[in-house]
Amino acid sequence: MSTWEDLKSNWRVVLLVFMLVLSTVFLFAPAFASTDGAAAAQENPTNLKYGLQLSGGTRVRAPLQGVTAEGVDFGGDDAAQVERAVAGQLATADSSDVIARQTTQTGGTVELVTENATTQQLSSALDGAGYEYETVRDGVTETTREQTVEVLRSKINAAGLSGGTVRTVETISNEHFVLIEVPNQDRSEVVDLVNSRGTVRIAAYHPVTENNTTQYVNTTVITQEDFQTVGTAQQGERGPGPHVPVSVKTSEAERVQQLYVDTGVASVGGTDCTYSDSPESTEPCILVIRDGNVVSSFGMDAGLAQSMRNGEWANDPQFILVTGSFERAQAVSIDLRAGALPASLALDEGTASSISATQGDNFKRDSLIIGLLAVFTVAGVVFLRYGRPQVAAPMVVTALSEVVVLLGFAAFINYPLDLSVIAGFIAVIGTGVDDLVIIADEVMAEGDVNSRRVFESRFRKAFWVIGAAAATTIIAMSPLAVLSLGDLQGFAIFTILGVLVGVLITRPAYGDILRVLLTDR
């Protein structure tokens, strides 16, 4: 028989070899290396990406704070008017804590996203503002969840935490959670980053005299939406100290300039701010306010004040936000670049866990040991069962081929390996060898087989049994793969993939190998 005919009759083996070569390329070729975490990638000899359990890091899983009114009749008002009207009925909230979205021509949804918000609070506020509504429920809308996920991703990227992921998960009871995973970072750093909404505004703190009485007020001058560019935090060792360079949108520059002049912040010679020591007797100050708390206070430089009074600053609206400490500068910079979270995470209703890098390495080593033990155990049992190398050796090699193909697939899609995925690989080895034993037993049920026609008949009978078992496994695992059930999802996905690889590639290839070894050519 010619070489071409040999290849044609054993095309399943050729397909398996091709898949192994392709998987090897995915595993080791630099072109398929993950771009997340370049330093970690250099230490990893393969292109595999490891989850928190094998690399160390922090996982935070929590719902979003808030309640939602649905079917709200806006009465012709726009969303901003609704937010202001509802917030006006709440003693502990402002318009930034209320989110109104028009989903129909007449109305939509209204969300209250303050800490410990209740349906009764929102119902009373809507009644007080004169808006009719259908229902009020716990939780926020899907749009708010999606926007929160996007902002959290931006915050993680802005903080330089490479490899971090943020997504929403849903439980069987229809509860929605935000899941944040950041490798190689401790719990406190991640929690501090995601635990605040990150609402930053710049205010003018200045005295106002009315009825011969002087009192100090905060006048908001710049909100997050008014910034054009936000730089990274600077130490400023030879200048004003830790700060963040920023610029204001051209469309807002004249308004900002005039407010600073009117409030006295841009007074002649600048201002000397003593807000932190004597807030009721200071000259006008610039306040950086983050999540309602004053982060820093400072006066305006004389040269900057002069350019504002002359109207020149609006032509190039840049200045710096002095923060007093580099940590505060970093927090302000991240919040301004990422934007404010639509709603805060209810961390007290969720979970936050952390695994050290050392523990992750131990898990990785133990997983490798368990995998090798599983392989050698299977190999020993198979050789004891058959005692014929031409039957047992291809069986072990074929079973291991499934794992190599799955690892290649994981490397190709950058799926993070964790303990549940490793468990899926071990399950694949077990079910794979089960199927291969069925094939060998059926083919050799009545002693040696020399006829290829008889071999094919027996193999097809065995394959029907294998196919039925595979279908049962896929049906059983499908709910776990679809539902967001944490680690069980990875286990189910790779178990199903292993079954498919086995039925479509490795089991048929093993049949071809047995046919060549057990029948006359």
Protein backbone atom coordinates (compact mmCIF):
# COMPACT_ATOMS: atom_id res chain seq x y z
CA MET A 1 0.00 0.00 0.00
CA SER A 2 1.37 3.45 -0.89
CA THR A 3 2.17 6.14 1.62
CA TRP A 4 -0.78 8.23 0.44
CA GLU A 5 -3.12 5.30 0.88
CA ASP A 6 -1.70 4.68 4.35
CA LEU A 7 -2.35 8.28 5.32
CA LYS A 8 -5.82 8.19 3.81
CA SER A 9 -6.84 5.04 5.68
CA ASN A 10 -5.38 6.36 8.96
CA TRP A 11 -6.56 9.95 8.63
CA ARG A 12 -7.83 9.96 12.25
CA VAL A 13 -4.29 9.36 13.50
CA VAL A 14 -3.04 12.12 11.19
CA LEU A 15 -5.69 14.45 12.63
CA LEU A 16 -4.58 13.62 16.19
CA VAL A 17 -0.93 14.30 15.31
CA PHE A 18 -1.91 17.59 13.70
CA MET A 19 -3.86 18.62 16.82
CA LEU A 20 -0.90 17.73 19.04
CA VAL A 21 1.48 19.79 16.90
CA LEU A 22 -0.96 22.71 16.85
CA SER A 23 -1.44 22.50 20.64
CA THR A 24 2.33 22.46 21.14
CA VAL A 25 2.61 25.64 19.08
CA PHE A 26 -0.11 27.30 21.18
CA LEU A 27 1.66 26.21 24.36
CA PHE A 28 5.20 27.33 23.55
CA ALA A 29 5.27 29.72 20.56
CA PRO A 30 6.00 33.32 21.71
CA ALA A 31 3.45 34.63 19.21
CA PHE A 32 0.64 33.16 21.32
CA ALA A 33 1.95 34.40 24.67
CA SER A 34 -0.48 36.44 26.76
CA THR A 35 0.15 40.19 26.77
CA ASP A 36 -1.10 40.48 30.37
CA GLY A 37 1.72 40.74 32.84
CA ALA A 38 4.92 40.75 30.82
CA ALA A 39 7.11 40.01 33.84
CA ALA A 40 5.08 36.97 34.81
CA ALA A 41 5.06 35.79 31.22
CA GLN A 42 8.87 35.81 31.13
CA GLU A 43 8.99 33.51 34.19
CA ASN A 44 6.49 31.07 32.68
CA PRO A 45 8.06 28.69 30.13
CA THR A 46 4.67 28.04 28.54
CA ASN A 47 1.90 30.30 27.29
CA LEU A 48 -0.48 29.00 29.95
CA LYS A 49 -2.27 31.55 32.07
CA TYR A 50 -2.88 30.67 35.72
CA GLY A 51 -5.82 31.67 37.86
CA LEU A 52 -5.62 32.99 41.40
CA GLN A 53 -5.43 29.54 42.97
CA LEU A 54 -2.23 28.73 41.05
CA SER A 55 -0.61 32.16 40.81
CA GLY A 56 -1.79 33.91 43.98
CA GLY A 57 -3.88 37.06 44.15
CA THR A 58 -7.20 38.42 45.38
CA ARG A 59 -10.79 37.65 44.49
CA VAL A 60 -13.66 39.96 45.47
CA ARG A 61 -17.27 38.93 44.91
CA ALA A 62 -20.00 41.36 45.98
CA PRO A 63 -23.38 42.76 44.90
CA LEU A 64 -23.93 46.40 44.07
CA GLN A 65 -25.65 48.67 46.58
CA GLY A 66 -28.93 50.15 45.49
CA VAL A 67 -32.66 49.83 44.92
CA THR A 68 -34.59 50.38 41.70
CA ALA A 69 -38.03 51.76 40.85
CA GLU A 70 -39.44 50.49 37.56
CA GLY A 71 -42.20 51.88 35.38
CA VAL A 72 -41.61 55.43 36.64
CA ASP A 73 -43.65 58.11 34.86
CA PHE A 74 -41.28 61.03 34.30
CA GLY A 75 -44.17 63.38 33.54
CA GLY A 76 -42.29 65.08 30.71
CA ASP A 77 -39.16 65.76 32.78
CA ASP A 78 -35.75 64.71 31.53
CA ALA A 79 -33.52 62.32 33.47
CA ALA A 80 -31.45 65.09 35.10
CA GLN A 81 -34.57 66.84 36.38
CA VAL A 82 -35.88 63.57 37.83
CA GLU A 83 -32.56 62.93 39.59
CA ARG A 84 -32.52 66.39 41.17
CA ALA A 85 -36.18 66.19 42.21
CA VAL A 86 -35.84 62.75 43.82
CA ALA A 87 -32.54 63.65 45.52
CA GLY A 88 -34.23 66.75 46.95
CA GLN A 89 -36.53 64.46 48.91
CA LEU A 90 -33.62 62.59 50.49
CA ALA A 91 -31.76 64.04 53.47
CA THR A 92 -28.61 61.97 52.99
CA ALA A 93 -28.26 61.91 49.19
CA ASP A 94 -27.60 64.22 46.28
CA SER A 95 -28.26 63.93 42.57
CA SER A 96 -25.11 61.81 42.06
CA ASP A 97 -26.75 59.11 44.23
CA VAL A 98 -29.82 58.91 42.00
CA ILE A 99 -29.73 57.42 38.50
CA ALA A 100 -32.71 58.02 36.21
CA ARG A 101 -32.93 56.41 32.78
CA GLN A 102 -35.73 56.93 30.29
CA THR A 103 -36.55 53.55 28.74
CA THR A 104 -39.92 54.50 27.22
CA GLN A 105 -41.42 57.69 25.85
CA THR A 106 -43.14 58.45 29.15
CA GLY A 107 -40.80 57.08 31.78
CA GLY A 108 -38.25 54.52 32.83
CA THR A 109 -36.24 53.50 35.89
CA VAL A 110 -34.94 55.40 38.90
CA GLU A 111 -32.17 53.95 41.10
CA LEU A 112 -31.02 55.02 44.54
CA VAL A 113 -27.42 53.86 45.01
CA THR A 114 -26.55 55.14 48.49
CA GLU A 115 -25.20 52.83 51.18
CA ASN A 116 -27.99 50.87 52.92
CA ALA A 117 -30.59 52.26 50.52
CA THR A 118 -34.06 50.78 51.09
CA THR A 119 -37.11 50.42 48.89
CA GLN A 120 -39.07 52.50 51.44
CA GLN A 121 -36.64 55.41 51.05
CA LEU A 122 -36.96 55.43 47.28
CA SER A 123 -40.74 55.01 47.39
CA SER A 124 -41.10 57.95 49.77
CA ALA A 125 -38.76 60.12 47.65
CA LEU A 126 -40.70 59.35 44.46
CA ASP A 127 -44.00 60.07 46.20
CA GLY A 128 -42.62 63.32 47.57
CA ALA A 129 -41.33 64.37 44.14
CA GLY A 130 -44.69 63.54 42.55
CA TYR A 131 -43.62 60.70 40.26
CA GLU A 132 -45.82 57.67 39.78
CA TYR A 133 -44.19 54.24 39.54
CA GLU A 134 -45.11 50.58 39.23
CA THR A 135 -42.72 48.67 41.51
CA VAL A 136 -39.67 49.22 43.70
CA ARG A 137 -37.23 46.35 44.19
CA ASP A 138 -33.82 45.64 45.68
CA GLY A 139 -30.82 45.72 43.36
CA VAL A 140 -29.73 47.87 40.43
CA THR A 141 -30.39 47.65 36.70
CA GLU A 142 -28.35 45.63 34.22
CA THR A 143 -27.10 48.85 32.62
CA THR A 144 -25.69 50.05 35.94
CA ARG A 145 -23.98 46.70 36.48
CA GLU A 146 -22.39 46.85 33.02
CA GLN A 147 -21.20 50.44 33.54
CA THR A 148 -19.78 49.53 36.95
CA VAL A 149 -17.83 46.64 35.44
CA GLU A 150 -16.37 48.95 32.78
CA VAL A 151 -15.31 51.55 35.36
CA LEU A 152 -13.76 48.89 37.62
CA ARG A 153 -11.77 47.55 34.66
CA SER A 154 -10.55 51.08 33.97
CA LYS A 155 -9.57 51.55 37.62
CA ILE A 156 -7.62 48.29 37.68
CA ASN A 157 -5.82 49.18 34.44
CA ALA A 158 -5.13 52.74 35.62
CA ALA A 159 -3.64 51.33 38.83
CA GLY A 160 -1.27 49.17 36.79
CA LEU A 161 -2.68 45.87 38.12
CA SER A 162 -2.04 43.73 35.05
CA GLY A 163 -4.05 40.60 34.46
CA GLY A 164 -7.04 41.73 36.53
CA THR A 165 -10.51 40.73 35.37
CA VAL A 166 -13.97 42.06 36.23
CA ARG A 167 -17.28 40.45 35.26
CA THR A 168 -20.80 39.92 36.51
CA VAL A 169 -22.06 36.54 37.72
CA GLU A 170 -25.58 35.37 38.38
CA THR A 171 -26.63 32.74 40.90
CA ILE A 172 -29.39 30.18 40.52
CA SER A 173 -31.60 32.40 42.70
CA ASN A 174 -31.12 35.29 40.21
CA GLU A 175 -28.82 37.26 42.49
CA HIS A 176 -26.26 39.36 40.63
CA PHE A 177 -22.68 39.81 41.80
CA VAL A 178 -19.60 41.61 40.49
CA LEU A 179 -16.57 39.30 40.48
CA ILE A 180 -13.12 40.91 40.56
CA GLU A 181 -9.96 38.83 40.27
CA VAL A 182 -6.52 40.43 40.43
CA PRO A 183 -3.44 38.15 40.37
CA ASN A 184 -0.33 38.82 42.43
CA GLN A 185 -1.98 41.48 44.62
CA ASP A 186 -2.86 41.32 48.30
CA ARG A 187 -6.39 41.72 49.60
CA SER A 188 -6.05 45.15 51.22
CA GLU A 189 -4.73 46.84 48.07
CA VAL A 190 -7.52 45.48 45.87
CA VAL A 191 -10.27 46.20 48.41
CA ASP A 192 -9.02 49.77 48.87
CA LEU A 193 -9.11 50.28 45.11
CA VAL A 194 -12.66 49.02 44.51
CA ASN A 195 -14.28 49.92 47.83
CA SER A 196 -15.07 53.54 46.95
CA ARG A 197 -17.17 55.03 44.17
CA GLY A 198 -14.28 57.37 43.32
CA THR A 199 -16.38 60.52 42.87
CA VAL A 200 -13.96 63.46 42.68
CA ARG A 201 -14.85 67.13 42.50
CA ILE A 202 -12.85 70.32 42.88
CA ALA A 203 -14.48 72.99 45.02
CA ALA A 204 -13.75 76.57 46.02
CA TYR A 205 -13.92 77.04 49.81
CA HIS A 206 -14.59 80.71 50.48
CA PRO A 207 -16.36 83.09 52.87
CA VAL A 208 -19.76 84.56 52.03
CA THR A 209 -21.23 87.51 53.94
CA GLU A 210 -25.00 87.79 54.32
CA ASN A 211 -26.89 89.96 56.84
CA ASN A 212 -23.60 91.01 58.44
CA THR A 213 -22.78 87.34 59.05
CA THR A 214 -19.85 85.60 57.41
CA GLN A 215 -19.90 81.89 56.79
CA TYR A 216 -17.77 79.59 54.66
CA VAL A 217 -19.28 77.57 51.80
CA ASN A 218 -18.14 75.01 49.25
CA THR A 219 -18.80 75.94 45.65
CA THR A 220 -18.26 73.10 43.20
CA VAL A 221 -16.08 74.38 40.37
CA ILE A 222 -14.97 71.26 38.48
CA THR A 223 -16.58 67.82 38.27
CA GLN A 224 -15.08 64.68 36.76
CA GLU A 225 -16.84 65.30 33.47
CA ASP A 226 -15.12 68.69 33.12
CA PHE A 227 -11.57 67.32 32.81
CA GLN A 228 -9.94 67.00 29.41
CA THR A 229 -6.79 65.15 30.48
CA VAL A 230 -5.59 63.66 33.75
CA GLY A 231 -1.93 62.83 34.29
CA THR A 232 -0.36 60.23 36.53
CA ALA A 233 0.55 61.00 40.12
CA GLN A 234 3.80 62.96 40.54
CA GLN A 235 6.07 63.12 43.58
CA GLY A 236 6.86 66.81 43.04
CA GLU A 237 9.89 66.66 45.33
CA ARG A 238 11.28 69.99 44.06
CA GLY A 239 7.96 71.71 43.61
CA PRO A 240 4.56 71.76 45.25
CA GLY A 241 4.77 68.18 46.58
CA PRO A 242 2.71 65.15 45.46
CA HIS A 243 0.21 66.24 42.84
CA VAL A 244 -1.78 65.31 39.73
CA PRO A 245 -1.44 67.43 36.56
CA VAL A 246 -4.79 68.02 34.85
CA SER A 247 -6.40 70.10 32.14
CA VAL A 248 -9.99 71.28 31.79
CA LYS A 249 -12.15 71.02 28.69
CA THR A 250 -12.03 74.16 26.56
CA SER A 251 -15.81 74.45 26.72
CA GLU A 252 -15.66 74.67 30.53
CA ALA A 253 -12.49 76.74 30.89
CA GLU A 254 -14.05 80.22 30.99
CA ARG A 255 -16.70 79.12 33.51
CA VAL A 256 -14.04 77.59 35.79
CA GLN A 257 -11.84 80.66 35.43
CA GLN A 258 -14.67 83.05 36.33
CA LEU A 259 -15.75 80.97 39.35
CA TYR A 260 -12.24 81.05 40.80
CA VAL A 261 -12.13 84.81 40.32
CA ASP A 262 -15.62 85.36 41.79
CA THR A 263 -14.96 83.20 44.85
CA GLY A 264 -11.70 84.98 45.60
CA VAL A 265 -9.48 81.95 45.08
CA ALA A 266 -7.73 83.75 42.23
CA SER A 267 -7.12 86.90 44.27
CA VAL A 268 -4.19 89.23 43.81
CA GLY A 269 -1.00 87.41 44.78
CA GLY A 270 -2.78 84.10 45.13
CA THR A 271 -4.13 82.76 48.42
CA ASP A 272 -2.63 81.26 51.57
CA CYS A 273 -4.83 78.28 52.49
CA THR A 274 -4.98 77.24 56.17
CA TYR A 275 -8.10 75.07 55.81
CA SER A 276 -6.63 72.09 57.66
CA ASP A 277 -5.68 74.17 60.72
CA SER A 278 -8.22 77.01 60.81
CA PRO A 279 -11.08 76.39 58.34
CA GLU A 280 -13.19 79.29 59.60
CA SER A 281 -10.45 81.92 59.22
CA THR A 282 -8.57 80.86 56.11
CA GLU A 283 -8.22 82.68 52.85
CA PRO A 284 -10.16 81.10 49.95
CA CYS A 285 -8.93 77.57 49.20
CA ILE A 286 -9.13 74.94 46.52
CA LEU A 287 -10.50 71.67 47.92
CA VAL A 288 -10.09 68.23 46.33
CA ILE A 289 -13.10 66.23 47.52
CA ARG A 290 -13.22 62.45 46.97
CA ASP A 291 -16.35 60.52 47.90
CA GLY A 292 -17.51 63.44 50.03
CA ASN A 293 -14.27 63.68 52.00
CA VAL A 294 -11.73 66.48 51.63
CA VAL A 295 -8.54 64.86 50.33
CA SER A 296 -6.46 68.02 50.27
CA SER A 297 -6.66 71.80 50.42
CA PHE A 298 -4.33 74.37 48.94
CA GLY A 299 -4.17 77.97 47.81
CA MET A 300 -3.65 79.18 44.27
CA ASP A 301 -0.23 80.12 42.96
CA ALA A 302 0.16 83.86 42.34
CA GLY A 303 1.11 83.38 38.68
CA LEU A 304 -1.89 81.11 38.03
CA ALA A 305 -4.19 83.55 39.81
CA GLN A 306 -2.88 86.42 37.66
CA SER A 307 -3.50 84.48 34.44
CA MET A 308 -7.08 83.76 35.53
CA ARG A 309 -7.81 87.39 36.35
CA ASN A 310 -6.37 88.41 32.98
CA GLY A 311 -8.48 85.80 31.20
CA GLU A 312 -5.39 84.11 29.77
CA TRP A 313 -5.74 80.79 31.62
CA ALA A 314 -8.81 79.75 29.60
CA ASN A 315 -6.64 79.63 26.46
CA ASP A 316 -4.52 76.85 28.03
CA PRO A 317 -6.57 75.52 30.97
CA GLN A 318 -3.98 73.45 32.84
CA PHE A 319 -3.11 73.31 36.52
CA ILE A 320 -2.15 70.81 39.21
CA LEU A 321 -4.08 69.21 42.07
CA VAL A 322 -1.87 69.16 45.16
CA THR A 323 -2.73 66.19 47.39
CA GLY A 324 -0.27 66.21 50.27
CA SER A 325 0.76 62.55 49.89
CA PHE A 326 1.70 60.38 46.94
CA GLU A 327 -0.88 57.74 47.93
CA ARG A 328 -3.65 60.33 47.74
CA ALA A 329 -2.32 61.58 44.43
CA GLN A 330 -2.47 58.04 43.05
CA ALA A 331 -6.04 57.53 44.28
CA VAL A 332 -7.21 60.85 42.79
CA SER A 333 -5.46 60.18 39.48
CA ILE A 334 -6.99 56.69 39.19
CA ASP A 335 -10.49 57.94 40.04
CA LEU A 336 -10.32 60.83 37.59
CA ARG A 337 -9.03 58.67 34.74
CA ALA A 338 -11.40 55.75 35.37
CA GLY A 339 -14.48 57.75 36.29
CA ALA A 340 -16.82 57.34 39.23
CA LEU A 341 -18.60 54.07 39.86
CA PRO A 342 -22.34 54.30 39.17
CA ALA A 343 -22.90 52.24 42.34
CA SER A 344 -20.71 51.01 45.18
CA LEU A 345 -19.93 47.40 45.99
CA ALA A 346 -21.64 46.01 49.09
CA LEU A 347 -18.53 44.26 50.36
CA ASP A 348 -20.19 43.35 53.67
CA GLU A 349 -22.66 41.23 51.68
CA GLY A 350 -19.98 39.56 49.56
CA THR A 351 -16.68 37.80 50.00
CA ALA A 352 -13.05 38.79 49.60
CA SER A 353 -10.34 36.13 49.61
CA SER A 354 -6.63 36.18 48.97
CA ILE A 355 -4.02 33.54 48.12
CA SER A 356 -0.33 34.27 48.51
CA ALA A 357 2.08 33.69 45.64
CA THR A 358 3.86 31.01 47.70
CA GLN A 359 0.62 29.17 48.31
CA GLY A 360 -0.20 29.42 44.60
CA ASP A 361 3.16 27.86 43.73
CA ASN A 362 2.45 25.06 46.18
CA PHE A 363 -0.93 24.42 44.56
CA LYS A 364 0.76 24.38 41.15
CA ARG A 365 3.35 21.85 42.30
CA ASP A 366 0.75 19.66 44.03
CA SER A 367 -1.48 19.73 40.94
CA LEU A 368 1.42 18.51 38.80
CA ILE A 369 2.18 15.71 41.27
CA ILE A 370 -1.47 14.62 41.38
CA GLY A 371 -1.69 14.69 37.60
CA LEU A 372 1.42 12.52 37.24
CA LEU A 373 0.14 10.10 39.89
CA ALA A 374 -3.14 9.81 37.99
CA VAL A 375 -1.27 9.06 34.75
CA PHE A 376 1.04 6.45 36.27
CA THR A 377 -1.82 4.81 38.16
CA VAL A 378 -3.90 4.54 35.01
CA ALA A 379 -0.91 3.22 33.07
CA GLY A 380 -0.20 0.57 35.71
CA VAL A 381 -3.80 -0.62 35.85
CA VAL A 382 -4.04 -0.78 32.07
CA PHE A 383 -0.86 -2.84 31.72
CA LEU A 384 -2.04 -5.20 34.47
CA ARG A 385 -5.41 -5.54 32.75
CA TYR A 386 -4.13 -6.40 29.28
CA GLY A 387 -0.50 -7.36 29.63
CA ARG A 388 0.00 -6.49 25.96
CA PRO A 389 2.05 -3.38 25.21
CA GLN A 390 0.51 -2.96 21.74
CA VAL A 391 -2.91 -2.48 23.43
CA ALA A 392 -1.97 -0.67 26.64
CA ALA A 393 0.75 1.73 25.45
CA PRO A 394 -1.36 3.43 22.76
CA MET A 395 -4.16 3.69 25.33
CA VAL A 396 -2.04 5.70 27.76
CA VAL A 397 -0.51 7.85 25.02
CA THR A 398 -3.94 8.59 23.56
CA ALA A 399 -5.34 9.55 26.97
CA LEU A 400 -2.44 11.93 27.57
CA SER A 401 -2.95 13.42 24.11
CA GLU A 402 -6.36 14.68 25.23
CA VAL A 403 -4.73 16.62 28.06
CA VAL A 404 -2.15 18.15 25.71
CA VAL A 405 -4.89 19.24 23.29
CA LEU A 406 -6.90 20.79 26.15
CA LEU A 407 -3.84 22.62 27.47
CA GLY A 408 -3.18 23.96 23.99
CA PHE A 409 -6.77 25.18 23.77
CA ALA A 410 -6.48 26.86 27.18
CA ALA A 411 -3.27 28.59 26.08
CA PHE A 412 -4.85 29.72 22.81
CA ILE A 413 -7.86 31.40 24.47
CA ASN A 414 -5.83 32.55 27.53
CA TYR A 415 -8.18 30.71 29.87
CA PRO A 416 -6.78 30.91 33.42
CA LEU A 417 -6.04 27.47 34.86
CA ASP A 418 -7.14 26.86 38.44
CA LEU A 419 -7.73 23.83 40.63
CA SER A 420 -11.17 23.20 39.17
CA VAL A 421 -9.73 23.06 35.64
CA ILE A 422 -7.00 20.67 36.82
CA ALA A 423 -9.76 18.51 38.32
CA GLY A 424 -11.45 18.60 34.92
CA PHE A 425 -8.25 17.35 33.28
CA ILE A 426 -8.04 14.45 35.75
CA ALA A 427 -11.69 13.63 35.08
CA VAL A 428 -10.94 13.67 31.35
CA ILE A 429 -8.10 11.18 31.85
CA GLY A 430 -10.43 8.91 33.81
CA THR A 431 -13.36 9.02 31.41
CA GLY A 432 -10.99 8.80 28.43
CA VAL A 433 -9.34 5.63 29.65
CA ASP A 434 -12.79 4.24 30.46
CA ASP A 435 -13.81 4.69 26.84
CA LEU A 436 -10.55 3.25 25.54
CA VAL A 437 -11.01 0.17 27.75
CA ILE A 438 -14.50 -0.26 26.28
CA ILE A 439 -13.00 -0.16 22.78
CA ALA A 440 -10.23 -2.63 23.62
CA ASP A 441 -12.59 -5.05 25.42
CA GLU A 442 -15.14 -5.00 22.61
CA VAL A 443 -12.55 -5.47 19.89
CA MET A 444 -10.85 -8.32 21.77
CA ALA A 445 -14.02 -9.83 23.21
CA GLU A 446 -13.68 -13.06 21.26
CA GLY A 447 -9.92 -13.31 21.13
CA ASP A 448 -7.55 -11.92 18.55
CA VAL A 449 -9.08 -10.33 15.48
CA ASN A 450 -7.27 -10.54 12.16
CA SER A 451 -9.96 -9.28 9.80
CA ARG A 452 -10.26 -5.55 9.34
CA ARG A 453 -13.93 -5.95 8.48
CA VAL A 454 -14.60 -7.69 11.80
CA PHE A 455 -12.51 -5.10 13.61
CA GLU A 456 -14.53 -2.24 12.10
CA SER A 457 -17.80 -3.94 13.06
CA ARG A 458 -16.73 -4.40 16.68
CA PHE A 459 -15.27 -0.91 16.85
CA ARG A 460 -18.51 0.68 15.64
CA LYS A 461 -20.45 -1.22 18.31
CA ALA A 462 -18.09 0.06 21.01
CA PHE A 463 -18.24 3.58 19.61
CA TRP A 464 -22.03 3.69 19.97
CA VAL A 465 -21.63 2.95 23.68
CA ILE A 466 -18.96 5.64 23.99
CA GLY A 467 -21.09 8.16 22.11
CA ALA A 468 -24.09 7.54 24.39
CA ALA A 469 -21.90 7.94 27.50
CA ALA A 470 -20.38 11.14 26.10
CA ALA A 471 -23.82 12.60 25.36
CA THR A 472 -24.90 11.83 28.94
CA THR A 473 -21.81 13.56 30.36
CA ILE A 474 -22.29 16.65 28.19
CA ILE A 475 -25.98 16.94 29.15
CA ALA A 476 -25.14 16.54 32.85
CA MET A 477 -22.33 19.12 32.75
CA SER A 478 -24.04 21.72 30.54
CA PRO A 479 -25.94 23.51 33.36
CA LEU A 480 -22.70 23.88 35.34
CA ALA A 481 -20.92 25.27 32.27
CA VAL A 482 -23.64 27.82 31.52
CA LEU A 483 -24.50 29.01 35.03
CA SER A 484 -22.09 31.29 36.88
CA LEU A 485 -21.25 28.89 39.70
CA GLY A 486 -17.68 29.94 40.33
CA ASP A 487 -15.05 27.20 40.16
CA LEU A 488 -17.58 24.58 39.03
CA GLN A 489 -17.91 26.38 35.72
CA GLY A 490 -14.27 25.80 34.74
CA PHE A 491 -14.50 22.15 35.76
CA ALA A 492 -17.61 21.64 33.62
CA ILE A 493 -16.28 23.51 30.58
CA PHE A 494 -13.07 21.50 30.34
CA THR A 495 -14.78 18.22 31.13
CA ILE A 496 -17.16 18.83 28.21
CA LEU A 497 -14.28 19.89 25.93
CA GLY A 498 -12.35 16.77 26.94
CA VAL A 499 -15.32 14.55 26.09
CA LEU A 500 -15.72 16.24 22.70
CA VAL A 501 -12.00 15.94 21.91
CA GLY A 502 -12.15 12.29 22.90
CA VAL A 503 -15.21 11.39 20.84
CA LEU A 504 -14.20 13.39 17.76
CA ILE A 505 -10.41 12.89 17.72
CA THR A 506 -8.66 10.61 20.21
CA ARG A 507 -11.05 7.61 20.42
CA PRO A 508 -11.24 7.23 16.62
CA ALA A 509 -7.44 7.62 16.42
CA TYR A 510 -7.00 4.88 19.03
CA GLY A 511 -9.25 2.67 16.97
CA ASP A 512 -7.06 3.19 13.90
CA ILE A 513 -3.93 2.42 15.94
CA LEU A 514 -5.45 -0.82 17.27
CA ARG A 515 -6.55 -1.82 13.79
CA VAL A 516 -3.02 -1.46 12.50
CA LEU A 517 -1.49 -3.34 15.45
CA LEU A 518 -4.02 -6.16 15.76
CA THR A 519 -5.06 -6.94 12.19
CA ASP A 520 -3.21 -8.19 9.15
CA ARG A 521 -2.25 -5.52 6.68
